[in-house]
N, C-alpha and C. Protein backbone atom coordinates (compact mmCIF):
# COMPACT_ATOMS: atom_id res chain seq x y z
N LEU A 1 20.64 -156.33 -284.62
CA LEU A 1 19.33 -156.94 -284.51
C LEU A 1 19.47 -158.43 -284.22
N PHE A 2 20.37 -159.09 -284.97
CA PHE A 2 20.60 -160.53 -284.74
C PHE A 2 21.06 -160.79 -283.31
N VAL A 3 22.06 -160.05 -282.87
CA VAL A 3 22.61 -160.26 -281.53
C VAL A 3 21.55 -159.99 -280.47
N PHE A 4 20.80 -158.93 -280.63
CA PHE A 4 19.77 -158.57 -279.65
C PHE A 4 18.72 -159.68 -279.54
N ILE A 5 18.20 -160.13 -280.67
CA ILE A 5 17.15 -161.17 -280.67
C ILE A 5 17.70 -162.50 -280.16
N SER A 6 18.84 -162.89 -280.65
CA SER A 6 19.39 -164.20 -280.31
C SER A 6 19.81 -164.29 -278.85
N ILE A 7 20.61 -163.34 -278.41
CA ILE A 7 21.04 -163.38 -277.02
C ILE A 7 19.86 -163.12 -276.10
N GLY A 8 18.95 -162.25 -276.51
CA GLY A 8 17.75 -162.02 -275.70
C GLY A 8 16.97 -163.29 -275.47
N SER A 9 16.88 -164.14 -276.48
CA SER A 9 16.17 -165.42 -276.30
C SER A 9 16.95 -166.34 -275.37
N ALA A 10 18.26 -166.29 -275.45
CA ALA A 10 19.08 -167.14 -274.58
C ALA A 10 18.99 -166.68 -273.13
N LEU A 11 18.91 -165.39 -272.90
CA LEU A 11 18.77 -164.89 -271.54
C LEU A 11 17.45 -165.33 -270.94
N GLY A 12 16.41 -165.36 -271.76
CA GLY A 12 15.10 -165.74 -271.27
C GLY A 12 15.04 -167.16 -270.76
N PHE A 13 15.91 -168.05 -271.26
CA PHE A 13 15.82 -169.43 -270.82
C PHE A 13 16.30 -169.59 -269.39
N GLN A 14 17.00 -168.60 -268.85
CA GLN A 14 17.43 -168.67 -267.46
C GLN A 14 16.27 -168.36 -266.51
N TYR A 15 15.20 -167.80 -267.05
CA TYR A 15 14.07 -167.38 -266.24
C TYR A 15 12.78 -167.94 -266.83
N PRO A 16 12.59 -169.27 -266.79
CA PRO A 16 11.39 -169.84 -267.42
C PRO A 16 10.12 -169.39 -266.73
N VAL A 17 9.07 -169.22 -267.54
CA VAL A 17 7.77 -168.82 -267.00
C VAL A 17 7.15 -169.97 -266.24
N GLY A 18 7.19 -171.15 -266.80
CA GLY A 18 6.62 -172.32 -266.14
C GLY A 18 7.72 -173.16 -265.52
N SER A 19 7.35 -173.97 -264.55
CA SER A 19 8.37 -174.78 -263.89
C SER A 19 8.59 -176.11 -264.58
N ASN A 20 7.89 -176.36 -265.69
CA ASN A 20 8.01 -177.66 -266.35
C ASN A 20 8.95 -177.65 -267.55
N GLN A 21 9.71 -176.59 -267.73
CA GLN A 21 10.65 -176.55 -268.85
C GLN A 21 11.87 -177.40 -268.53
N THR A 22 12.43 -178.00 -269.55
CA THR A 22 13.63 -178.80 -269.39
C THR A 22 14.78 -178.17 -270.15
N ALA A 23 15.99 -178.66 -269.88
CA ALA A 23 17.16 -178.14 -270.59
C ALA A 23 17.05 -178.37 -272.09
N VAL A 24 16.47 -179.50 -272.48
CA VAL A 24 16.31 -179.79 -273.91
C VAL A 24 15.39 -178.75 -274.55
N GLN A 25 14.29 -178.44 -273.90
CA GLN A 25 13.38 -177.42 -274.43
C GLN A 25 14.09 -176.08 -274.54
N ASP A 26 14.87 -175.73 -273.54
CA ASP A 26 15.60 -174.47 -273.56
C ASP A 26 16.61 -174.44 -274.71
N ASN A 27 17.35 -175.52 -274.89
CA ASN A 27 18.33 -175.58 -275.97
C ASN A 27 17.68 -175.48 -277.34
N VAL A 28 16.55 -176.14 -277.51
CA VAL A 28 15.84 -176.07 -278.79
C VAL A 28 15.33 -174.66 -279.02
N LYS A 29 14.80 -174.03 -277.97
CA LYS A 29 14.30 -172.65 -278.09
C LYS A 29 15.43 -171.71 -278.52
N VAL A 30 16.54 -171.77 -277.85
CA VAL A 30 17.67 -170.89 -278.17
C VAL A 30 18.21 -171.20 -279.56
N SER A 31 18.35 -172.47 -279.89
CA SER A 31 18.85 -172.86 -281.22
C SER A 31 17.95 -172.35 -282.32
N LEU A 32 16.64 -172.51 -282.14
CA LEU A 32 15.70 -172.02 -283.14
C LEU A 32 15.72 -170.50 -283.23
N ALA A 33 15.86 -169.82 -282.10
CA ALA A 33 15.90 -168.36 -282.12
C ALA A 33 17.11 -167.87 -282.92
N PHE A 34 18.27 -168.48 -282.69
CA PHE A 34 19.46 -168.10 -283.45
C PHE A 34 19.28 -168.42 -284.92
N GLY A 35 18.82 -169.63 -285.23
CA GLY A 35 18.66 -170.04 -286.62
C GLY A 35 17.62 -169.22 -287.36
N LEU A 36 16.47 -169.00 -286.73
CA LEU A 36 15.41 -168.23 -287.39
C LEU A 36 15.80 -166.76 -287.56
N SER A 37 16.52 -166.21 -286.59
CA SER A 37 16.93 -164.81 -286.73
C SER A 37 17.93 -164.65 -287.87
N ILE A 38 18.85 -165.60 -288.01
CA ILE A 38 19.79 -165.54 -289.13
C ILE A 38 19.06 -165.70 -290.45
N ALA A 39 18.16 -166.67 -290.53
CA ALA A 39 17.41 -166.89 -291.78
C ALA A 39 16.61 -165.65 -292.16
N THR A 40 15.96 -165.05 -291.19
CA THR A 40 15.14 -163.86 -291.45
C THR A 40 16.00 -162.69 -291.90
N LEU A 41 17.09 -162.44 -291.19
CA LEU A 41 17.95 -161.31 -291.55
C LEU A 41 18.67 -161.56 -292.87
N ALA A 42 19.09 -162.79 -293.13
CA ALA A 42 19.75 -163.08 -294.41
C ALA A 42 18.78 -162.87 -295.56
N GLN A 43 17.54 -163.28 -295.38
CA GLN A 43 16.54 -163.07 -296.43
C GLN A 43 16.24 -161.58 -296.59
N SER A 44 16.23 -160.84 -295.48
CA SER A 44 15.86 -159.43 -295.51
C SER A 44 16.94 -158.52 -296.05
N VAL A 45 18.19 -158.74 -295.66
CA VAL A 45 19.26 -157.83 -296.05
C VAL A 45 20.32 -158.46 -296.95
N GLY A 46 20.12 -159.71 -297.32
CA GLY A 46 21.10 -160.40 -298.16
C GLY A 46 21.36 -159.70 -299.47
N HIS A 47 20.35 -159.10 -300.05
CA HIS A 47 20.51 -158.42 -301.33
C HIS A 47 21.28 -157.11 -301.20
N ILE A 48 21.40 -156.59 -299.99
CA ILE A 48 22.10 -155.32 -299.76
C ILE A 48 23.58 -155.56 -299.49
N SER A 49 23.86 -156.41 -298.52
CA SER A 49 25.24 -156.58 -298.08
C SER A 49 25.76 -158.01 -298.22
N GLY A 50 24.95 -158.89 -298.74
CA GLY A 50 25.36 -160.29 -298.74
C GLY A 50 25.11 -160.95 -297.40
N ALA A 51 24.46 -160.23 -296.50
CA ALA A 51 24.12 -160.73 -295.16
C ALA A 51 25.35 -161.20 -294.39
N HIS A 52 26.39 -160.41 -294.43
CA HIS A 52 27.60 -160.75 -293.68
C HIS A 52 27.36 -160.42 -292.21
N LEU A 53 27.03 -161.45 -291.43
CA LEU A 53 26.71 -161.28 -290.01
C LEU A 53 27.69 -162.03 -289.12
N ASN A 54 28.65 -162.74 -289.71
CA ASN A 54 29.51 -163.63 -288.95
C ASN A 54 30.93 -163.57 -289.53
N PRO A 55 31.93 -163.19 -288.71
CA PRO A 55 33.30 -163.11 -289.20
C PRO A 55 33.84 -164.44 -289.74
N ALA A 56 33.41 -165.56 -289.18
CA ALA A 56 33.89 -166.85 -289.67
C ALA A 56 33.39 -167.09 -291.09
N VAL A 57 32.15 -166.73 -291.36
CA VAL A 57 31.60 -166.87 -292.71
C VAL A 57 32.29 -165.90 -293.66
N THR A 58 32.51 -164.68 -293.20
CA THR A 58 33.21 -163.69 -294.02
C THR A 58 34.62 -164.19 -294.36
N LEU A 59 35.31 -164.76 -293.39
CA LEU A 59 36.64 -165.32 -293.64
C LEU A 59 36.56 -166.47 -294.65
N GLY A 60 35.54 -167.32 -294.53
CA GLY A 60 35.36 -168.39 -295.50
C GLY A 60 35.14 -167.87 -296.91
N LEU A 61 34.36 -166.80 -297.03
CA LEU A 61 34.12 -166.19 -298.34
C LEU A 61 35.38 -165.53 -298.88
N LEU A 62 36.19 -164.96 -298.00
CA LEU A 62 37.47 -164.38 -298.41
C LEU A 62 38.41 -165.48 -298.93
N LEU A 63 38.52 -166.56 -298.17
CA LEU A 63 39.43 -167.64 -298.56
C LEU A 63 38.97 -168.36 -299.82
N SER A 64 37.69 -168.29 -300.13
CA SER A 64 37.19 -168.89 -301.38
C SER A 64 37.14 -167.86 -302.51
N CYS A 65 37.81 -166.72 -302.29
CA CYS A 65 37.96 -165.67 -303.30
C CYS A 65 36.63 -165.07 -303.76
N GLN A 66 35.65 -165.01 -302.87
CA GLN A 66 34.36 -164.43 -303.23
C GLN A 66 34.24 -162.97 -302.80
N ILE A 67 35.12 -162.52 -301.90
CA ILE A 67 35.16 -161.11 -301.51
C ILE A 67 36.61 -160.68 -301.38
N SER A 68 36.85 -159.36 -301.44
CA SER A 68 38.20 -158.83 -301.34
C SER A 68 38.65 -158.75 -299.88
N ILE A 69 39.95 -158.62 -299.70
CA ILE A 69 40.51 -158.49 -298.35
C ILE A 69 39.96 -157.24 -297.68
N LEU A 70 39.92 -156.12 -298.39
CA LEU A 70 39.42 -154.88 -297.82
C LEU A 70 37.97 -155.03 -297.37
N ARG A 71 37.15 -155.60 -298.22
CA ARG A 71 35.73 -155.79 -297.88
C ARG A 71 35.60 -156.71 -296.66
N ALA A 72 36.40 -157.77 -296.61
CA ALA A 72 36.35 -158.70 -295.47
C ALA A 72 36.72 -157.99 -294.17
N VAL A 73 37.79 -157.21 -294.21
CA VAL A 73 38.21 -156.48 -293.00
C VAL A 73 37.13 -155.51 -292.55
N LEU A 74 36.55 -154.77 -293.49
CA LEU A 74 35.50 -153.82 -293.13
C LEU A 74 34.26 -154.53 -292.58
N TYR A 75 33.88 -155.64 -293.18
CA TYR A 75 32.74 -156.41 -292.68
C TYR A 75 33.01 -156.91 -291.26
N ILE A 76 34.20 -157.45 -291.02
CA ILE A 76 34.51 -157.99 -289.70
C ILE A 76 34.52 -156.90 -288.65
N ILE A 77 35.06 -155.73 -288.97
CA ILE A 77 35.03 -154.61 -288.03
C ILE A 77 33.58 -154.22 -287.74
N ALA A 78 32.77 -154.10 -288.78
CA ALA A 78 31.36 -153.73 -288.60
C ALA A 78 30.62 -154.79 -287.79
N GLN A 79 30.91 -156.06 -288.03
CA GLN A 79 30.25 -157.14 -287.28
C GLN A 79 30.59 -157.06 -285.80
N CYS A 80 31.85 -156.84 -285.48
CA CYS A 80 32.27 -156.77 -284.08
C CYS A 80 31.72 -155.53 -283.39
N VAL A 81 31.77 -154.39 -284.05
CA VAL A 81 31.21 -153.17 -283.46
C VAL A 81 29.70 -153.32 -283.28
N GLY A 82 29.03 -153.87 -284.28
CA GLY A 82 27.59 -154.10 -284.18
C GLY A 82 27.23 -155.02 -283.02
N ALA A 83 28.03 -156.06 -282.82
CA ALA A 83 27.78 -156.99 -281.71
C ALA A 83 27.96 -156.31 -280.36
N ILE A 84 28.98 -155.47 -280.25
CA ILE A 84 29.20 -154.74 -278.99
C ILE A 84 28.03 -153.80 -278.72
N VAL A 85 27.61 -153.05 -279.71
CA VAL A 85 26.50 -152.11 -279.54
C VAL A 85 25.21 -152.85 -279.18
N ALA A 86 24.92 -153.93 -279.90
CA ALA A 86 23.69 -154.68 -279.63
C ALA A 86 23.72 -155.30 -278.24
N THR A 87 24.88 -155.81 -277.82
CA THR A 87 24.99 -156.39 -276.49
C THR A 87 24.86 -155.31 -275.42
N ALA A 88 25.38 -154.12 -275.69
CA ALA A 88 25.23 -153.01 -274.74
C ALA A 88 23.77 -152.61 -274.60
N ILE A 89 23.05 -152.55 -275.71
CA ILE A 89 21.62 -152.22 -275.65
C ILE A 89 20.88 -153.31 -274.87
N LEU A 90 21.19 -154.57 -275.17
CA LEU A 90 20.56 -155.68 -274.46
C LEU A 90 20.88 -155.62 -272.97
N SER A 91 22.09 -155.26 -272.63
CA SER A 91 22.47 -155.11 -271.23
C SER A 91 21.61 -154.06 -270.54
N GLY A 92 21.36 -152.97 -271.24
CA GLY A 92 20.53 -151.92 -270.67
C GLY A 92 19.10 -152.34 -270.43
N VAL A 93 18.53 -153.09 -271.35
CA VAL A 93 17.11 -153.47 -271.19
C VAL A 93 16.93 -154.72 -270.35
N THR A 94 18.01 -155.43 -270.04
CA THR A 94 17.90 -156.63 -269.20
C THR A 94 18.72 -156.49 -267.92
N SER A 95 19.07 -155.29 -267.53
CA SER A 95 19.96 -155.09 -266.39
C SER A 95 19.37 -155.58 -265.08
N SER A 96 18.06 -155.74 -265.00
CA SER A 96 17.45 -156.20 -263.76
C SER A 96 17.58 -157.71 -263.55
N LEU A 97 18.02 -158.44 -264.58
CA LEU A 97 18.19 -159.89 -264.43
C LEU A 97 19.44 -160.16 -263.61
N THR A 98 19.29 -160.93 -262.54
CA THR A 98 20.41 -161.13 -261.62
C THR A 98 21.50 -162.04 -262.18
N LEU A 99 21.17 -162.95 -263.05
CA LEU A 99 22.15 -163.87 -263.62
C LEU A 99 22.50 -163.51 -265.05
N ASN A 100 22.54 -162.24 -265.36
CA ASN A 100 22.67 -161.79 -266.74
C ASN A 100 24.10 -161.98 -267.26
N SER A 101 24.32 -163.03 -268.02
CA SER A 101 25.64 -163.31 -268.60
C SER A 101 25.80 -162.65 -269.96
N LEU A 102 24.73 -162.06 -270.48
CA LEU A 102 24.72 -161.44 -271.81
C LEU A 102 25.16 -162.41 -272.90
N GLY A 103 24.84 -163.68 -272.71
CA GLY A 103 25.15 -164.67 -273.73
C GLY A 103 26.62 -165.03 -273.82
N ARG A 104 27.37 -164.74 -272.78
CA ARG A 104 28.81 -165.04 -272.78
C ARG A 104 29.02 -166.54 -272.93
N ASN A 105 30.00 -166.93 -273.69
CA ASN A 105 30.33 -168.34 -273.87
C ASN A 105 31.23 -168.81 -272.74
N ASP A 106 30.88 -169.93 -272.15
CA ASP A 106 31.69 -170.54 -271.10
C ASP A 106 31.73 -172.04 -271.33
N LEU A 107 32.84 -172.64 -270.96
CA LEU A 107 32.93 -174.10 -271.06
C LEU A 107 32.09 -174.73 -269.96
N ALA A 108 31.40 -175.79 -270.30
CA ALA A 108 30.62 -176.53 -269.31
C ALA A 108 31.58 -177.27 -268.38
N PRO A 109 31.13 -177.56 -267.17
CA PRO A 109 31.98 -178.35 -266.26
C PRO A 109 32.37 -179.67 -266.93
N GLY A 110 33.64 -180.01 -266.84
CA GLY A 110 34.14 -181.24 -267.42
C GLY A 110 34.60 -181.11 -268.86
N VAL A 111 34.41 -179.96 -269.47
CA VAL A 111 34.85 -179.73 -270.85
C VAL A 111 36.13 -178.90 -270.79
N ASN A 112 37.22 -179.44 -271.35
CA ASN A 112 38.47 -178.67 -271.33
C ASN A 112 38.56 -177.78 -272.57
N SER A 113 39.56 -176.93 -272.60
CA SER A 113 39.70 -175.96 -273.69
C SER A 113 39.85 -176.64 -275.05
N GLY A 114 40.60 -177.72 -275.12
CA GLY A 114 40.78 -178.43 -276.38
C GLY A 114 39.49 -179.03 -276.90
N GLN A 115 38.71 -179.61 -275.99
CA GLN A 115 37.42 -180.17 -276.39
C GLN A 115 36.48 -179.07 -276.86
N GLY A 116 36.45 -177.98 -276.12
CA GLY A 116 35.61 -176.85 -276.50
C GLY A 116 36.00 -176.29 -277.86
N LEU A 117 37.30 -176.16 -278.09
CA LEU A 117 37.78 -175.67 -279.38
C LEU A 117 37.37 -176.62 -280.50
N GLY A 118 37.50 -177.91 -280.28
CA GLY A 118 37.11 -178.89 -281.29
C GLY A 118 35.63 -178.79 -281.64
N ILE A 119 34.79 -178.67 -280.63
CA ILE A 119 33.35 -178.54 -280.86
C ILE A 119 33.05 -177.27 -281.64
N GLU A 120 33.69 -176.17 -281.26
CA GLU A 120 33.46 -174.89 -281.95
C GLU A 120 33.95 -174.95 -283.40
N ILE A 121 35.08 -175.60 -283.64
CA ILE A 121 35.58 -175.72 -285.01
C ILE A 121 34.60 -176.50 -285.87
N ILE A 122 34.10 -177.60 -285.36
CA ILE A 122 33.16 -178.41 -286.14
C ILE A 122 31.86 -177.66 -286.37
N GLY A 123 31.33 -177.01 -285.33
CA GLY A 123 30.09 -176.24 -285.49
C GLY A 123 30.24 -175.10 -286.48
N THR A 124 31.37 -174.41 -286.42
CA THR A 124 31.62 -173.29 -287.33
C THR A 124 31.88 -173.80 -288.74
N LEU A 125 32.62 -174.88 -288.86
CA LEU A 125 32.93 -175.44 -290.18
C LEU A 125 31.66 -175.85 -290.92
N GLN A 126 30.74 -176.51 -290.23
CA GLN A 126 29.52 -176.93 -290.93
C GLN A 126 28.71 -175.72 -291.38
N LEU A 127 28.75 -174.63 -290.62
CA LEU A 127 28.05 -173.41 -291.03
C LEU A 127 28.71 -172.79 -292.26
N VAL A 128 30.03 -172.64 -292.22
CA VAL A 128 30.74 -172.04 -293.36
C VAL A 128 30.56 -172.90 -294.61
N LEU A 129 30.63 -174.20 -294.47
CA LEU A 129 30.41 -175.08 -295.62
C LEU A 129 29.00 -174.93 -296.18
N CYS A 130 28.02 -174.80 -295.30
CA CYS A 130 26.63 -174.60 -295.75
C CYS A 130 26.50 -173.29 -296.53
N VAL A 131 27.10 -172.22 -296.00
CA VAL A 131 27.02 -170.93 -296.70
C VAL A 131 27.69 -171.03 -298.06
N LEU A 132 28.89 -171.59 -298.10
CA LEU A 132 29.61 -171.70 -299.38
C LEU A 132 28.84 -172.57 -300.37
N ALA A 133 28.24 -173.65 -299.90
CA ALA A 133 27.53 -174.55 -300.80
C ALA A 133 26.21 -173.97 -301.29
N THR A 134 25.49 -173.28 -300.43
CA THR A 134 24.16 -172.78 -300.82
C THR A 134 24.22 -171.45 -301.56
N THR A 135 25.38 -170.81 -301.58
CA THR A 135 25.50 -169.54 -302.30
C THR A 135 26.43 -169.66 -303.51
N ASP A 136 26.84 -170.86 -303.84
CA ASP A 136 27.74 -171.09 -304.97
C ASP A 136 26.99 -170.88 -306.28
N ARG A 137 27.36 -169.84 -307.00
CA ARG A 137 26.66 -169.50 -308.25
C ARG A 137 26.94 -170.50 -309.37
N ARG A 138 27.98 -171.31 -309.21
CA ARG A 138 28.31 -172.30 -310.24
C ARG A 138 27.41 -173.54 -310.15
N ARG A 139 26.75 -173.71 -309.03
CA ARG A 139 25.88 -174.88 -308.87
C ARG A 139 24.57 -174.67 -309.61
N ARG A 140 24.15 -175.69 -310.30
CA ARG A 140 22.88 -175.63 -311.04
C ARG A 140 21.79 -176.43 -310.33
N ASP A 141 22.16 -177.17 -309.29
CA ASP A 141 21.20 -178.03 -308.61
C ASP A 141 20.58 -177.40 -307.37
N LEU A 142 20.83 -176.11 -307.17
CA LEU A 142 20.30 -175.45 -305.98
C LEU A 142 18.84 -175.09 -306.17
N GLY A 143 18.06 -175.41 -305.19
CA GLY A 143 16.67 -175.02 -305.15
C GLY A 143 16.35 -174.61 -303.72
N GLY A 144 15.20 -174.07 -303.51
CA GLY A 144 14.83 -173.68 -302.16
C GLY A 144 15.44 -172.36 -301.75
N SER A 145 15.59 -172.19 -300.47
CA SER A 145 16.02 -170.92 -299.90
C SER A 145 17.37 -171.05 -299.22
N ALA A 146 18.38 -170.36 -299.74
CA ALA A 146 19.70 -170.36 -299.10
C ALA A 146 19.62 -169.81 -297.68
N PRO A 147 18.92 -168.67 -297.44
CA PRO A 147 18.84 -168.17 -296.06
C PRO A 147 18.22 -169.18 -295.09
N LEU A 148 17.22 -169.92 -295.54
CA LEU A 148 16.61 -170.92 -294.65
C LEU A 148 17.59 -172.05 -294.36
N ALA A 149 18.30 -172.52 -295.37
CA ALA A 149 19.30 -173.57 -295.15
C ALA A 149 20.39 -173.09 -294.20
N ILE A 150 20.81 -171.84 -294.35
CA ILE A 150 21.84 -171.28 -293.47
C ILE A 150 21.29 -171.15 -292.05
N GLY A 151 20.05 -170.72 -291.91
CA GLY A 151 19.42 -170.65 -290.59
C GLY A 151 19.36 -172.01 -289.92
N PHE A 152 19.01 -173.04 -290.68
CA PHE A 152 19.00 -174.40 -290.13
C PHE A 152 20.40 -174.82 -289.71
N SER A 153 21.40 -174.42 -290.48
CA SER A 153 22.78 -174.74 -290.14
C SER A 153 23.20 -174.07 -288.84
N VAL A 154 22.78 -172.82 -288.64
CA VAL A 154 23.05 -172.12 -287.38
C VAL A 154 22.37 -172.85 -286.22
N ALA A 155 21.11 -173.23 -286.42
CA ALA A 155 20.39 -173.97 -285.37
C ALA A 155 21.10 -175.29 -285.07
N LEU A 156 21.55 -175.98 -286.10
CA LEU A 156 22.26 -177.25 -285.93
C LEU A 156 23.54 -177.04 -285.13
N GLY A 157 24.30 -176.00 -285.47
CA GLY A 157 25.51 -175.70 -284.72
C GLY A 157 25.23 -175.44 -283.25
N HIS A 158 24.13 -174.76 -282.97
CA HIS A 158 23.76 -174.50 -281.58
C HIS A 158 23.33 -175.77 -280.87
N LEU A 159 22.57 -176.61 -281.55
CA LEU A 159 22.17 -177.88 -280.93
C LEU A 159 23.39 -178.72 -280.58
N LEU A 160 24.44 -178.64 -281.41
CA LEU A 160 25.67 -179.36 -281.14
C LEU A 160 26.43 -178.75 -279.95
N ALA A 161 26.64 -177.46 -279.97
CA ALA A 161 27.63 -176.84 -279.09
C ALA A 161 27.09 -176.21 -277.82
N ILE A 162 25.82 -175.93 -277.75
CA ILE A 162 25.31 -175.12 -276.65
C ILE A 162 25.56 -175.74 -275.27
N ASP A 163 25.46 -177.05 -275.16
CA ASP A 163 25.68 -177.70 -273.86
C ASP A 163 27.14 -177.73 -273.45
N TYR A 164 28.06 -177.59 -274.40
CA TYR A 164 29.48 -177.71 -274.10
C TYR A 164 30.19 -176.37 -273.97
N THR A 165 29.81 -175.40 -274.82
CA THR A 165 30.55 -174.13 -274.87
C THR A 165 29.63 -172.91 -274.84
N GLY A 166 28.35 -173.12 -274.91
CA GLY A 166 27.43 -171.99 -275.07
C GLY A 166 27.26 -171.62 -276.53
N CYS A 167 28.03 -172.21 -277.40
CA CYS A 167 27.99 -172.06 -278.85
C CYS A 167 28.47 -170.68 -279.30
N GLY A 168 29.71 -170.63 -279.69
CA GLY A 168 30.30 -169.39 -280.19
C GLY A 168 30.63 -169.45 -281.66
N ILE A 169 29.75 -170.05 -282.47
CA ILE A 169 30.06 -170.18 -283.90
C ILE A 169 30.04 -168.85 -284.63
N ASN A 170 29.59 -167.80 -283.96
CA ASN A 170 29.69 -166.45 -284.51
C ASN A 170 30.66 -165.67 -283.62
N PRO A 171 31.92 -165.53 -284.05
CA PRO A 171 32.91 -164.84 -283.22
C PRO A 171 32.52 -163.41 -282.83
N ALA A 172 31.82 -162.70 -283.69
CA ALA A 172 31.42 -161.33 -283.36
C ALA A 172 30.43 -161.33 -282.20
N ARG A 173 29.46 -162.23 -282.25
CA ARG A 173 28.48 -162.30 -281.17
C ARG A 173 29.17 -162.64 -279.86
N SER A 174 30.08 -163.59 -279.89
CA SER A 174 30.82 -163.96 -278.69
C SER A 174 31.70 -162.81 -278.20
N PHE A 175 32.30 -162.09 -279.13
CA PHE A 175 33.16 -160.95 -278.79
C PHE A 175 32.35 -159.85 -278.09
N GLY A 176 31.17 -159.55 -278.61
CA GLY A 176 30.33 -158.53 -277.98
C GLY A 176 30.00 -158.86 -276.54
N SER A 177 29.66 -160.11 -276.28
CA SER A 177 29.36 -160.54 -274.91
C SER A 177 30.60 -160.49 -274.03
N ALA A 178 31.74 -160.91 -274.57
CA ALA A 178 32.98 -160.89 -273.80
C ALA A 178 33.39 -159.47 -273.43
N VAL A 179 33.24 -158.54 -274.37
CA VAL A 179 33.60 -157.14 -274.10
C VAL A 179 32.73 -156.58 -272.97
N LEU A 180 31.43 -156.79 -273.05
CA LEU A 180 30.51 -156.21 -272.07
C LEU A 180 30.62 -156.86 -270.69
N THR A 181 31.01 -158.14 -270.64
CA THR A 181 31.15 -158.81 -269.34
C THR A 181 32.60 -158.81 -268.86
N HIS A 182 33.51 -158.25 -269.65
CA HIS A 182 34.94 -158.19 -269.32
C HIS A 182 35.48 -159.58 -269.03
N ASN A 183 35.08 -160.56 -269.82
CA ASN A 183 35.50 -161.94 -269.60
C ASN A 183 35.93 -162.54 -270.93
N PHE A 184 37.23 -162.72 -271.09
CA PHE A 184 37.77 -163.28 -272.33
C PHE A 184 38.38 -164.67 -272.09
N ASN A 185 37.95 -165.34 -271.03
CA ASN A 185 38.43 -166.70 -270.76
C ASN A 185 37.88 -167.66 -271.78
N ASN A 186 38.72 -168.60 -272.20
CA ASN A 186 38.32 -169.66 -273.13
C ASN A 186 37.73 -169.09 -274.39
C-alpha cells in the first residue's frame, strides 16, 4: 500500500494537469505523499507489526537490540517482496504512461555515486534516528504522535534527496522499482 501510494504520487508529477506547476511544487507533493503515507500506515498497523515498512529502519531496530535477528530477516524479506508486488501492480495500472520509471532512483546529472551515497546515508540516518528516538520506551519526555514525527522525517528525507538521487531512503521501495525496471545502476 505504501509503495503503491507513494510511487503513484511520484509518477503523477511527470504528467502535471496544469502547466503552471514547478519542480518545487512537485518535490513537495511527492515528499508529502511519502511522509503522509508512512504516518498513516504506521498509525494504522503499528500495533500489529510495529509498522516495519523499511529495511533500514528494521536494521536500526536490530542493531539497537529491539528486535531479534530472525524477526529482522523475515521483516526485510517481506518488505522487499511487498515492494516488488506493489510496484508490479502499479506498473499494470500505469502502463500507458510513456515515461513510466516506476519510481526508480537515478542520480541527477552532475551527481556522482559518492555524492549520491552520502546524501542517501544522511537522509536514511535522520529517519532511523527519528524512529529510534520517538519509539524509545525509556524516554519519559515523549508526547504527540510517533507515526506523525516519523512521517515528517520521511518527508524531510525526500525534500533533501529527491533532486539528487530520487530519494531511496527505503531500500525495499527502491529495490521493487529496480527489479521491475531491470535497472540496478547506482
